[in-house]
Amino acid sequence: MLSKVSRQAIVLVFPLMPISGRIKSIVAPEEPLTPGILYVGVATLSGSILARNRILPTRLLLPPLFLMLSAQHFLPKATHNLTDYVGSLEDKYFPTLAQKHETAKAHSAMTWVRMRDAAKGINVHIEKATTRAVDTVQKVSGLKLRETLGWQRAVKTKLEDMKSEADRKGQDSSKPPGETKES
C-alpha cells in the first residue's frame, strides 16, 4: 500500500521538478518574496475594486495594469527575470511576434523621446511667459516680484557665472596657440 502511494506521489511530483527549478531561477534570492508578493496581490485587487463600476475597457485593463506596475515596484528583479524568461519563450516559439514586439518597443521609446522634447519646449515657453507676466505685473504695480521670488539673485548669479566664463576664455585666448596653462 505504501509503495503504491509513493509511486503515485513520484508520478505527480516528478513532472513538477523542472518547474520548481525555473521558479527558483526567476525569484531573486536577495529580494524578500513574502511581503512583495502580498503587496502585488493587494495592489492588483485594489485595481479590481477601483474598476468595479466603470466601463468594460477600464474593468479589463486596470487590474492587469496595477499588477504589472506593482510587480515592477515591489519585486523589480523577479519581474525582470520573468520578463526575460517570457521574452526567451517568445523568441523561441513565436519569432514573428517577438520581432513585432521589438518594433513596438522601439516606437514607444521614440514616442517617449518626442514627448520629452515637446515637454522641454513647453517648459521654455511657460518660463518665458511667466517671466513676461511677472515683469508686466512688476511694472504696473510697482511690486518687487523678482526679488520676492528670488529671481533677481538667480539672474545675478547667472550673469556672474557668464562673466567669469568669458574672463577664463579671454585669458586662454591671450596665450599663444601652442602654450598651455602649466607652461
Protein backbone atom coordinates (compact mmCIF):
# COMPACT_ATOMS: atom_id res chain seq x y z
CA MET A 1 0.00 0.00 0.00
CA LEU A 2 2.77 2.45 0.95
CA SER A 3 4.79 1.67 -2.17
CA LYS A 4 1.73 2.29 -4.35
CA VAL A 5 1.15 5.67 -2.70
CA SER A 6 4.83 6.61 -3.01
CA ARG A 7 4.82 5.65 -6.70
CA GLN A 8 1.77 7.83 -7.30
CA ALA A 9 3.41 10.69 -5.43
CA ILE A 10 6.53 10.35 -7.58
CA VAL A 11 4.41 10.32 -10.72
CA LEU A 12 2.72 13.54 -9.60
CA VAL A 13 5.82 15.33 -8.30
CA PHE A 14 8.38 14.33 -10.96
CA PRO A 15 6.90 16.45 -13.78
CA LEU A 16 6.88 19.48 -11.45
CA MET A 17 10.63 19.37 -10.75
CA PRO A 18 11.69 21.41 -13.83
CA ILE A 19 9.02 23.96 -12.96
CA SER A 20 10.39 24.40 -9.43
CA GLY A 21 13.88 24.90 -10.87
CA ARG A 22 12.51 27.53 -13.26
CA ILE A 23 10.73 29.29 -10.37
CA LYS A 24 13.97 29.34 -8.36
CA SER A 25 15.79 30.93 -11.31
CA ILE A 26 13.11 33.61 -11.67
CA VAL A 27 12.86 34.58 -7.99
CA ALA A 28 15.80 36.75 -6.93
CA PRO A 29 17.38 35.48 -3.69
CA GLU A 30 18.13 38.99 -2.39
CA GLU A 31 14.51 40.11 -2.79
CA PRO A 32 12.11 39.24 0.01
CA LEU A 33 9.31 37.41 -1.77
CA THR A 34 6.76 37.20 1.03
CA PRO A 35 5.86 40.86 1.62
CA GLY A 36 6.46 41.77 -2.04
CA ILE A 37 4.04 39.20 -3.43
CA LEU A 38 1.43 40.23 -0.86
CA TYR A 39 1.79 43.89 -1.84
CA VAL A 40 1.43 42.97 -5.50
CA GLY A 41 -1.71 40.96 -4.73
CA VAL A 42 -3.24 43.81 -2.71
CA ALA A 43 -2.46 46.32 -5.46
CA THR A 44 -3.99 44.05 -8.11
CA LEU A 45 -7.14 43.58 -6.05
CA SER A 46 -7.25 47.34 -5.47
CA GLY A 47 -7.25 47.81 -9.23
CA SER A 48 -10.15 45.40 -9.45
CA ILE A 49 -12.05 47.28 -6.74
CA LEU A 50 -11.41 50.66 -8.38
CA ALA A 51 -12.61 49.35 -11.74
CA ARG A 52 -15.72 47.68 -10.34
CA ASN A 53 -18.38 50.17 -11.52
CA ARG A 54 -16.55 51.54 -14.54
CA ILE A 55 -16.94 50.86 -18.24
CA LEU A 56 -15.84 47.49 -19.63
CA PRO A 57 -12.40 48.51 -21.02
CA THR A 58 -11.46 50.01 -17.65
CA ARG A 59 -12.61 46.88 -15.84
CA LEU A 60 -10.50 44.75 -18.16
CA LEU A 61 -7.35 46.88 -18.24
CA LEU A 62 -6.99 48.32 -14.73
CA PRO A 63 -6.26 45.11 -12.72
CA PRO A 64 -3.51 43.86 -15.10
CA LEU A 65 -2.05 47.37 -15.21
CA PHE A 66 -1.93 47.51 -11.40
CA LEU A 67 -0.39 44.01 -11.41
CA MET A 68 2.41 44.98 -13.78
CA LEU A 69 3.17 48.31 -12.14
CA SER A 70 3.13 46.95 -8.60
CA ALA A 71 5.25 43.93 -9.57
CA GLN A 72 7.84 46.24 -11.11
CA HIS A 73 7.80 48.39 -7.98
CA PHE A 74 7.78 45.76 -5.22
CA LEU A 75 9.64 42.89 -6.97
CA PRO A 76 11.83 44.57 -9.63
CA LYS A 77 14.44 41.82 -10.01
CA ALA A 78 11.94 38.96 -10.09
CA THR A 79 9.82 40.89 -12.59
CA HIS A 80 12.88 41.50 -14.76
CA ASN A 81 13.80 37.79 -14.63
CA LEU A 82 10.23 36.81 -15.50
CA THR A 83 10.05 39.18 -18.46
CA ASP A 84 13.40 37.86 -19.70
CA TYR A 85 12.10 34.29 -19.46
CA VAL A 86 8.85 35.13 -21.24
CA GLY A 87 10.88 37.01 -23.87
CA SER A 88 13.07 33.96 -24.46
CA LEU A 89 9.95 31.80 -24.87
CA GLU A 90 8.55 34.36 -27.29
CA ASP A 91 11.79 34.35 -29.31
CA LYS A 92 11.84 30.55 -29.40
CA TYR A 93 8.21 29.76 -30.20
CA PHE A 94 6.83 32.97 -31.77
CA PRO A 95 9.68 34.74 -33.63
CA THR A 96 7.42 36.97 -35.75
CA LEU A 97 5.57 38.12 -32.64
CA ALA A 98 8.92 38.80 -30.95
CA GLN A 99 10.01 40.91 -33.91
CA LYS A 100 6.77 42.92 -33.79
CA HIS A 101 7.22 43.28 -30.03
CA GLU A 102 10.72 44.73 -30.53
CA THR A 103 9.37 47.12 -33.17
CA ALA A 104 6.68 48.26 -30.75
CA LYS A 105 9.32 48.81 -28.05
CA ALA A 106 11.41 50.93 -30.44
CA HIS A 107 8.39 53.01 -31.46
CA SER A 108 7.43 53.50 -27.81
CA ALA A 109 10.95 54.68 -26.99
CA MET A 110 10.88 57.13 -29.92
CA THR A 111 7.48 58.44 -28.85
CA TRP A 112 8.74 58.92 -25.29
CA VAL A 113 11.74 60.93 -26.56
CA ARG A 114 9.49 63.10 -28.72
CA MET A 115 7.12 63.73 -25.81
CA ARG A 116 10.05 64.62 -23.53
CA ASP A 117 11.42 67.06 -26.14
CA ALA A 118 7.97 68.61 -26.57
CA ALA A 119 7.68 68.98 -22.80
CA LYS A 120 11.05 70.77 -22.71
CA GLY A 121 9.82 73.17 -25.40
CA ILE A 122 6.62 73.79 -23.49
CA ASN A 123 8.63 74.34 -20.31
CA VAL A 124 10.76 77.00 -22.01
CA HIS A 125 7.63 78.68 -23.39
CA ILE A 126 5.94 78.68 -19.97
CA GLU A 127 9.10 80.08 -18.37
CA LYS A 128 9.23 82.94 -20.88
CA ALA A 129 5.51 83.67 -20.45
CA THR A 130 5.87 83.63 -16.66
CA THR A 131 8.83 85.98 -16.83
CA ARG A 132 6.90 88.38 -19.06
CA ALA A 133 3.87 88.24 -16.76
CA VAL A 134 5.99 88.91 -13.66
CA ASP A 135 7.74 91.81 -15.40
CA THR A 136 4.42 93.28 -16.50
CA VAL A 137 2.89 92.98 -13.03
CA GLN A 138 6.07 94.46 -11.54
CA LYS A 139 5.97 97.47 -13.91
CA VAL A 140 2.25 98.10 -13.44
CA SER A 141 2.00 97.58 -9.68
CA GLY A 142 5.48 98.54 -8.54
CA LEU A 143 5.78 95.34 -6.50
CA LYS A 144 9.23 93.78 -6.44
CA LEU A 145 8.14 90.31 -7.52
CA ARG A 146 11.51 89.30 -8.97
CA GLU A 147 13.23 89.84 -5.63
CA THR A 148 10.39 88.17 -3.76
CA LEU A 149 10.56 85.09 -5.98
CA GLY A 150 14.36 85.01 -5.73
CA TRP A 151 14.76 85.52 -9.47
CA GLN A 152 16.99 88.59 -9.08
CA ARG A 153 19.66 86.58 -7.24
CA ALA A 154 19.44 83.81 -9.78
CA VAL A 155 19.92 86.31 -12.63
CA LYS A 156 22.88 87.93 -10.84
CA THR A 157 24.47 84.52 -10.21
CA LYS A 158 23.93 83.54 -13.84
CA LEU A 159 25.48 86.82 -15.05
CA GLU A 160 28.46 86.39 -12.72
CA ASP A 161 28.99 82.83 -13.99
CA MET A 162 28.83 84.04 -17.59
CA LYS A 163 31.29 86.86 -16.84
CA SER A 164 33.78 84.53 -15.14
CA GLU A 165 33.47 82.07 -18.03
CA ALA A 166 34.14 84.88 -20.51
CA ASP A 167 37.14 86.02 -18.44
CA ARG A 168 38.55 82.49 -18.46
CA LYS A 169 38.08 82.24 -22.20
CA GLY A 170 39.67 85.65 -22.64
CA GLN A 171 42.71 84.61 -20.57
CA ASP A 172 43.07 81.37 -22.53
CA SER A 173 42.82 83.20 -25.89
CA SER A 174 45.52 85.75 -24.87
CA LYS A 175 48.15 82.97 -24.73
CA PRO A 176 49.95 81.78 -27.87
CA PRO A 177 48.29 78.75 -29.54
CA GLY A 178 50.93 76.18 -28.55
CA GLU A 179 51.18 77.30 -24.94
CA THR A 180 49.22 75.71 -22.09
CA LYS A 181 48.41 76.93 -18.57
CA GLU A 182 51.16 74.87 -16.98
CA SER A 183 53.96 76.21 -19.18
